[in-house]
Amino acid sequence: MSTTGRATRHIFAALRKVRVALLVLTLVVSAALAFGISGRDVRRMNAFGDAVRRWQTNPDFREVQREYVTLGVEAMRGRWLAVPAERVVMGFRSLPGLPLYLAVNESSAAHYRAFSTGEMSAYLHLTGEQGVSAALEMLEDLGRRETVSDADIAAFLNGFKLPVAVVTDAGAIASVRRLLADTQRPPRPFTVRGDVVAQLRRHLDANLDVMTREEQAAAMRAFDARIRAADFELWRTKQVSDFLGGIWAQGYGPIYLDGIEWLMRIRAAARVVLVVTLLLTGWLLLRSRRPGLAGLTVADINDRPRRAGDETE
């Protein structure tokens, strides 16, 4: 065989290896994306996504906050190929070129770590992220008015600037009226205005760092009633903080919902790619004249039978 013929055969052999490598890579990546998330974790994410959709219509903001904590902690228990959701989300938000509201910031790691730990940890962290002092002043102003119109409440809600506009429909307005009834009837200033998290922590029976997920969930279920019985003024301020947490969840929840929906689309597409790749692999194996992946190829000009005078390599 001539030098040109040998070079041609080497090129085709290299191309076959590249094809095999690409095929194997496609199989591995598509299988990881298609089945790297368990059905249970998919249900957790879908439950969170369904809640986010509900929060966009007639939200009771304090109830939204409670759901955000409970369902957010559940969602953060998920894993992708044994990688915790905390690291997956942080990795995604660290990708270059993301919009500013999606890009990771100084508090992101602490936020996801708290939600990966348990409900009480998540709740206290979320409480610490709220600007309670300004909201207390706004509610005191509403409480002093002889009548509070729906327009007044809508203006109050529009004062919160989030990536998604705060809902101002009938349910949202009713939620503010319930908050006023709980904290401003009769109208009076809030006496607890300082570090709300530190004051709430004093009502925990155990160190948060040693509490299990189950213990945190149990403590969270009884926490509101416990604070109300022990310190009513702290409870009043806590209601405002919880309300703000619900506004935060309603406004930022759609960002997480976008991520969940894209992940589900990628998962579905990966399953299609996996099936197609498996079918292609089977087809190529049947066409190959040599068994095994090393022989995956289509007929080419150099695969003809050798003649007696051909050079060997």
Protein backbone atom coordinates (compact mmCIF):
# COMPACT_ATOMS: atom_id res chain seq x y z
CA MET A 1 0.00 0.00 0.00
CA SER A 2 1.27 3.46 -0.82
CA THR A 3 2.18 6.06 1.76
CA THR A 4 -0.92 8.03 0.78
CA GLY A 5 -3.12 4.97 1.33
CA ARG A 6 -1.63 4.31 4.76
CA ALA A 7 -2.15 7.98 5.72
CA THR A 8 -5.74 7.80 4.55
CA ARG A 9 -6.37 4.67 6.63
CA HIS A 10 -4.84 6.36 9.69
CA ILE A 11 -7.09 9.38 9.21
CA PHE A 12 -10.17 7.20 8.95
CA ALA A 13 -9.10 5.19 11.99
CA ALA A 14 -8.69 8.42 13.96
CA LEU A 15 -12.11 9.61 12.82
CA ARG A 16 -13.64 6.32 13.96
CA LYS A 17 -12.10 6.80 17.41
CA VAL A 18 -13.47 10.34 17.57
CA ARG A 19 -16.93 9.06 16.62
CA VAL A 20 -16.75 6.40 19.30
CA ALA A 21 -15.60 8.93 21.91
CA LEU A 22 -18.41 11.34 21.01
CA LEU A 23 -20.94 8.52 21.14
CA VAL A 24 -19.78 7.37 24.55
CA LEU A 25 -19.71 10.95 25.86
CA THR A 26 -23.25 11.56 24.58
CA LEU A 27 -24.45 8.37 26.25
CA VAL A 28 -22.85 9.25 29.59
CA VAL A 29 -24.01 12.90 29.66
CA SER A 30 -27.55 12.17 28.49
CA ALA A 31 -27.91 9.31 31.00
CA ALA A 32 -26.65 11.57 33.80
CA LEU A 33 -29.09 14.35 32.91
CA ALA A 34 -31.98 11.95 32.30
CA PHE A 35 -31.65 9.81 35.42
CA GLY A 36 -29.28 11.72 37.72
CA ILE A 37 -32.26 13.16 39.63
CA SER A 38 -34.49 10.72 41.49
CA GLY A 39 -38.26 10.71 41.10
CA ARG A 40 -38.59 11.77 44.74
CA ASP A 41 -36.40 14.82 44.18
CA VAL A 42 -38.35 15.71 41.05
CA ARG A 43 -41.55 15.65 43.13
CA ARG A 44 -39.91 17.92 45.72
CA MET A 45 -38.95 20.44 43.06
CA ASN A 46 -42.35 20.28 41.39
CA ALA A 47 -44.08 20.86 44.75
CA PHE A 48 -41.99 23.98 45.23
CA GLY A 49 -42.72 25.13 41.66
CA ASP A 50 -46.47 24.59 42.09
CA ALA A 51 -46.37 26.69 45.27
CA VAL A 52 -44.55 29.53 43.49
CA ARG A 53 -47.31 29.61 40.88
CA ARG A 54 -49.96 29.79 43.62
CA TRP A 55 -48.17 32.68 45.32
CA GLN A 56 -48.68 34.89 42.27
CA THR A 57 -52.45 35.11 42.86
CA ASN A 58 -54.23 36.16 46.07
CA PRO A 59 -51.26 35.45 48.35
CA ASP A 60 -51.49 35.41 52.14
CA PHE A 61 -47.93 36.63 52.60
CA ARG A 62 -47.32 35.10 56.02
CA GLU A 63 -48.56 31.75 54.76
CA VAL A 64 -46.34 32.16 51.69
CA GLN A 65 -43.37 32.60 54.00
CA ARG A 66 -44.20 29.39 55.88
CA GLU A 67 -44.56 27.44 52.63
CA TYR A 68 -41.35 28.91 51.26
CA VAL A 69 -39.41 27.71 54.29
CA THR A 70 -40.94 24.22 54.38
CA LEU A 71 -40.90 23.51 50.65
CA GLY A 72 -37.57 25.28 50.12
CA VAL A 73 -35.90 23.06 52.73
CA GLU A 74 -37.44 19.98 51.08
CA ALA A 75 -36.24 21.06 47.64
CA MET A 76 -32.71 21.62 48.94
CA ARG A 77 -32.61 18.00 50.11
CA GLY A 78 -32.46 16.95 46.47
CA ARG A 79 -29.32 15.68 44.77
CA TRP A 80 -28.04 15.40 41.23
CA LEU A 81 -25.73 12.40 40.81
CA ALA A 82 -25.16 12.48 44.59
CA VAL A 83 -24.15 16.17 44.45
CA PRO A 84 -26.18 18.18 47.03
CA ALA A 85 -28.65 20.72 45.65
CA GLU A 86 -26.79 23.49 47.50
CA ARG A 87 -23.67 22.91 45.37
CA VAL A 88 -25.68 22.43 42.16
CA VAL A 89 -27.52 25.74 42.59
CA MET A 90 -24.36 27.59 43.59
CA GLY A 91 -22.54 26.14 40.59
CA PHE A 92 -25.31 27.26 38.25
CA ARG A 93 -25.46 30.77 39.72
CA SER A 94 -21.67 31.06 39.43
CA LEU A 95 -21.74 30.58 35.65
CA PRO A 96 -20.42 33.64 33.77
CA GLY A 97 -22.80 35.79 31.78
CA LEU A 98 -25.91 35.30 33.92
CA PRO A 99 -28.24 38.28 34.53
CA LEU A 100 -27.39 40.24 37.67
CA TYR A 101 -30.45 39.01 39.58
CA LEU A 102 -29.38 35.39 38.95
CA ALA A 103 -25.67 35.77 39.61
CA VAL A 104 -24.29 34.56 42.91
CA ASN A 105 -23.71 37.20 45.59
CA GLU A 106 -22.16 37.45 49.05
CA SER A 107 -25.18 36.01 50.89
CA SER A 108 -26.05 33.23 48.43
CA ALA A 109 -23.89 30.52 49.99
CA ALA A 110 -25.18 31.22 53.50
CA HIS A 111 -28.78 31.24 52.24
CA TYR A 112 -28.56 27.82 50.58
CA ARG A 113 -26.55 26.37 53.46
CA ALA A 114 -29.26 27.45 55.91
CA PHE A 115 -31.99 25.91 53.75
CA SER A 116 -29.97 22.70 53.46
CA THR A 117 -29.74 22.44 57.26
CA GLY A 118 -33.39 22.55 58.33
CA GLU A 119 -36.55 24.61 58.71
CA MET A 120 -35.61 26.62 61.78
CA SER A 121 -32.19 27.41 60.35
CA ALA A 122 -33.82 28.51 57.08
CA TYR A 123 -36.47 30.55 58.87
CA LEU A 124 -34.02 32.47 61.03
CA HIS A 125 -31.73 33.15 58.08
CA LEU A 126 -34.65 34.43 56.01
CA THR A 127 -35.74 36.61 58.93
CA GLY A 128 -32.27 38.12 59.12
CA GLU A 129 -32.44 39.08 55.43
CA GLN A 130 -35.51 41.29 55.87
CA GLY A 131 -35.35 45.07 56.39
CA VAL A 132 -37.83 45.06 59.26
CA SER A 133 -37.27 48.60 60.59
CA ALA A 134 -38.52 50.39 57.48
CA ALA A 135 -41.57 48.12 57.23
CA LEU A 136 -42.47 48.78 60.87
CA GLU A 137 -42.59 52.51 60.18
CA MET A 138 -44.78 51.99 57.10
CA LEU A 139 -47.24 49.83 59.03
CA GLU A 140 -47.35 52.29 61.93
CA ASP A 141 -48.25 54.98 59.40
CA LEU A 142 -51.08 52.84 58.00
CA GLY A 143 -52.28 52.02 61.51
CA ARG A 144 -52.60 55.69 62.46
CA ARG A 145 -54.97 56.44 59.58
CA GLU A 146 -58.63 56.67 60.39
CA THR A 147 -59.46 54.61 57.30
CA VAL A 148 -57.12 52.55 55.18
CA SER A 149 -58.25 52.20 51.59
CA ASP A 150 -57.33 49.44 49.17
CA ALA A 151 -55.36 52.06 47.23
CA ASP A 152 -53.35 52.85 50.37
CA ILE A 153 -52.48 49.18 50.79
CA ALA A 154 -51.62 48.78 47.10
CA ALA A 155 -49.26 51.76 47.40
CA PHE A 156 -47.69 50.14 50.46
CA LEU A 157 -47.11 46.88 48.56
CA ASN A 158 -45.77 48.72 45.52
CA GLY A 159 -43.11 50.20 47.76
CA PHE A 160 -41.28 46.85 47.71
CA LYS A 161 -39.06 46.63 44.64
CA LEU A 162 -38.31 43.04 43.67
CA PRO A 163 -37.44 41.26 40.39
CA VAL A 164 -41.14 40.30 40.07
CA ALA A 165 -43.72 42.93 41.01
CA VAL A 166 -45.42 42.32 44.34
CA VAL A 167 -49.02 41.17 43.90
CA THR A 168 -51.65 43.78 44.79
CA ASP A 169 -54.85 41.83 44.09
CA ALA A 170 -57.74 41.28 46.52
CA GLY A 171 -56.00 38.43 48.34
CA ALA A 172 -52.81 40.43 48.84
CA ILE A 173 -54.75 43.43 50.16
CA ALA A 174 -56.67 41.14 52.55
CA SER A 175 -53.33 39.76 53.75
CA VAL A 176 -52.17 43.28 54.69
CA ARG A 177 -55.46 43.95 56.49
CA ARG A 178 -54.99 40.79 58.56
CA LEU A 179 -51.48 41.92 59.44
CA LEU A 180 -52.81 45.31 60.55
CA ALA A 181 -55.51 43.61 62.61
CA ASP A 182 -52.91 41.46 64.38
CA THR A 183 -50.35 44.19 65.02
CA GLN A 184 -52.11 47.61 64.90
CA ARG A 185 -55.44 47.11 66.66
CA PRO A 186 -55.36 49.33 68.58
CA PRO A 187 -52.73 51.43 66.74
CA ARG A 188 -49.47 51.63 68.68
CA PRO A 189 -45.75 51.66 67.96
CA PHE A 190 -43.74 48.47 67.73
CA THR A 191 -41.52 48.19 70.78
CA VAL A 192 -39.21 45.46 69.39
CA ARG A 193 -37.22 46.98 66.56
CA GLY A 194 -33.68 45.69 66.98
CA ASP A 195 -32.04 42.39 66.11
CA VAL A 196 -35.12 40.21 65.71
CA VAL A 197 -33.14 37.02 65.00
CA ALA A 198 -31.14 37.26 68.22
CA GLN A 199 -34.32 37.75 70.25
CA LEU A 200 -36.06 34.84 68.53
CA ARG A 201 -33.08 32.55 69.13
CA ARG A 202 -33.48 32.98 72.87
CA HIS A 203 -36.73 31.04 72.67
CA LEU A 204 -35.13 27.90 71.25
CA ASP A 205 -34.67 24.99 73.66
CA ALA A 206 -31.48 23.74 72.01
CA ASN A 207 -28.51 25.03 70.08
CA LEU A 208 -29.53 25.28 66.44
CA ASP A 209 -26.22 23.76 65.34
CA VAL A 210 -26.98 20.43 67.04
CA MET A 211 -30.67 20.13 66.14
CA THR A 212 -31.64 17.46 63.62
CA ARG A 213 -33.91 18.20 60.66
CA GLU A 214 -36.79 16.55 62.49
CA GLU A 215 -36.17 18.58 65.65
CA GLN A 216 -36.00 21.78 63.61
CA ALA A 217 -39.27 20.96 61.85
CA ALA A 218 -41.00 20.23 65.17
CA ALA A 219 -39.67 23.44 66.72
CA MET A 220 -40.81 25.42 63.69
CA ARG A 221 -44.38 24.11 63.91
CA ALA A 222 -44.74 25.31 67.50
CA PHE A 223 -42.61 28.46 67.24
CA ASP A 224 -45.20 31.10 66.42
CA ALA A 225 -47.54 30.11 69.24
CA ARG A 226 -44.60 29.87 71.61
CA ILE A 227 -43.39 33.39 70.85
CA ARG A 228 -46.90 34.80 71.18
CA ALA A 229 -47.32 33.24 74.64
CA ALA A 230 -43.87 34.25 75.87
CA ASP A 231 -43.41 37.76 74.42
CA PHE A 232 -46.36 39.36 72.64
CA GLU A 233 -44.39 42.44 71.53
CA LEU A 234 -41.74 40.26 69.93
CA TRP A 235 -44.55 38.28 68.30
CA ARG A 236 -45.96 41.50 66.78
CA THR A 237 -42.62 42.31 65.18
CA LYS A 238 -42.23 38.70 64.12
CA GLN A 239 -45.51 38.96 62.17
CA VAL A 240 -44.10 41.85 60.17
CA SER A 241 -40.87 39.94 59.52
CA ASP A 242 -42.84 36.86 58.43
CA PHE A 243 -44.95 39.05 56.15
CA LEU A 244 -41.79 40.46 54.54
CA GLY A 245 -40.44 36.95 54.08
CA GLY A 246 -43.61 36.10 52.14
CA ILE A 247 -43.18 39.14 49.92
CA TRP A 248 -39.57 38.10 49.32
CA ALA A 249 -40.69 34.57 48.39
CA GLN A 250 -43.45 35.78 46.07
CA GLY A 251 -41.06 38.18 44.32
CA TYR A 252 -38.02 35.89 44.02
CA GLY A 253 -39.85 32.56 43.70
CA PRO A 254 -40.37 32.88 39.92
CA ILE A 255 -36.59 32.99 39.45
CA TYR A 256 -36.29 29.58 41.09
CA LEU A 257 -39.32 28.40 39.14
CA ASP A 258 -37.55 29.31 35.89
CA GLY A 259 -34.59 27.19 36.98
CA ILE A 260 -36.82 24.22 37.84
CA GLU A 261 -38.68 24.43 34.53
CA TRP A 262 -35.45 24.57 32.55
CA LEU A 263 -34.07 21.62 34.49
CA MET A 264 -37.20 19.60 33.69
CA ARG A 265 -36.92 20.53 30.00
CA ILE A 266 -33.26 19.49 29.95
CA ARG A 267 -34.13 16.22 31.72
CA ALA A 268 -36.85 15.42 29.17
CA ALA A 269 -34.59 16.33 26.24
CA ALA A 270 -31.78 14.18 27.67
CA ARG A 271 -34.08 11.15 27.72
CA VAL A 272 -34.89 11.66 24.05
CA VAL A 273 -31.19 12.06 23.21
CA LEU A 274 -30.36 8.93 25.21
CA VAL A 275 -32.92 6.82 23.33
CA VAL A 276 -31.77 8.15 19.95
CA THR A 277 -28.12 7.56 20.83
CA LEU A 278 -28.82 4.00 21.96
CA LEU A 279 -30.68 3.31 18.71
CA LEU A 280 -27.81 4.82 16.73
CA THR A 281 -25.33 2.70 18.64
CA GLY A 282 -27.29 -0.45 17.84
CA TRP A 283 -27.54 0.50 14.18
CA LEU A 284 -23.81 1.13 13.90
CA LEU A 285 -23.00 -2.13 15.64
CA LEU A 286 -25.16 -4.00 13.14
CA ARG A 287 -23.44 -2.24 10.22
CA SER A 288 -19.99 -2.79 11.58
CA ARG A 289 -18.01 -5.71 10.19
CA ARG A 290 -16.08 -5.96 13.48
CA PRO A 291 -17.86 -6.42 16.83
CA GLY A 292 -17.46 -3.97 19.65
CA LEU A 293 -17.25 -0.23 19.89
CA ALA A 294 -13.80 -0.18 18.36
CA GLY A 295 -15.33 -1.23 15.05
CA LEU A 296 -18.13 1.35 14.94
CA THR A 297 -17.98 2.82 11.44
CA VAL A 298 -19.76 3.13 8.15
CA ALA A 299 -18.31 1.62 5.00
CA ASP A 300 -15.53 3.64 3.48
CA ILE A 301 -13.24 3.24 0.51
CA ASN A 302 -10.46 1.62 2.54
CA ASP A 303 -12.60 -1.18 3.99
CA ARG A 304 -12.53 -3.19 0.70
CA PRO A 305 -10.99 -6.73 0.73
CA ARG A 306 -7.27 -6.78 0.14
CA ARG A 307 -5.83 -8.09 -3.10
CA ALA A 308 -2.85 -10.35 -3.26
CA GLY A 309 -0.44 -7.58 -4.17
CA ASP A 310 -1.46 -5.09 -1.48
CA GLU A 311 1.12 -3.90 1.02
CA THR A 312 0.62 -4.76 4.64
CA GLU A 313 1.08 -2.22 7.40
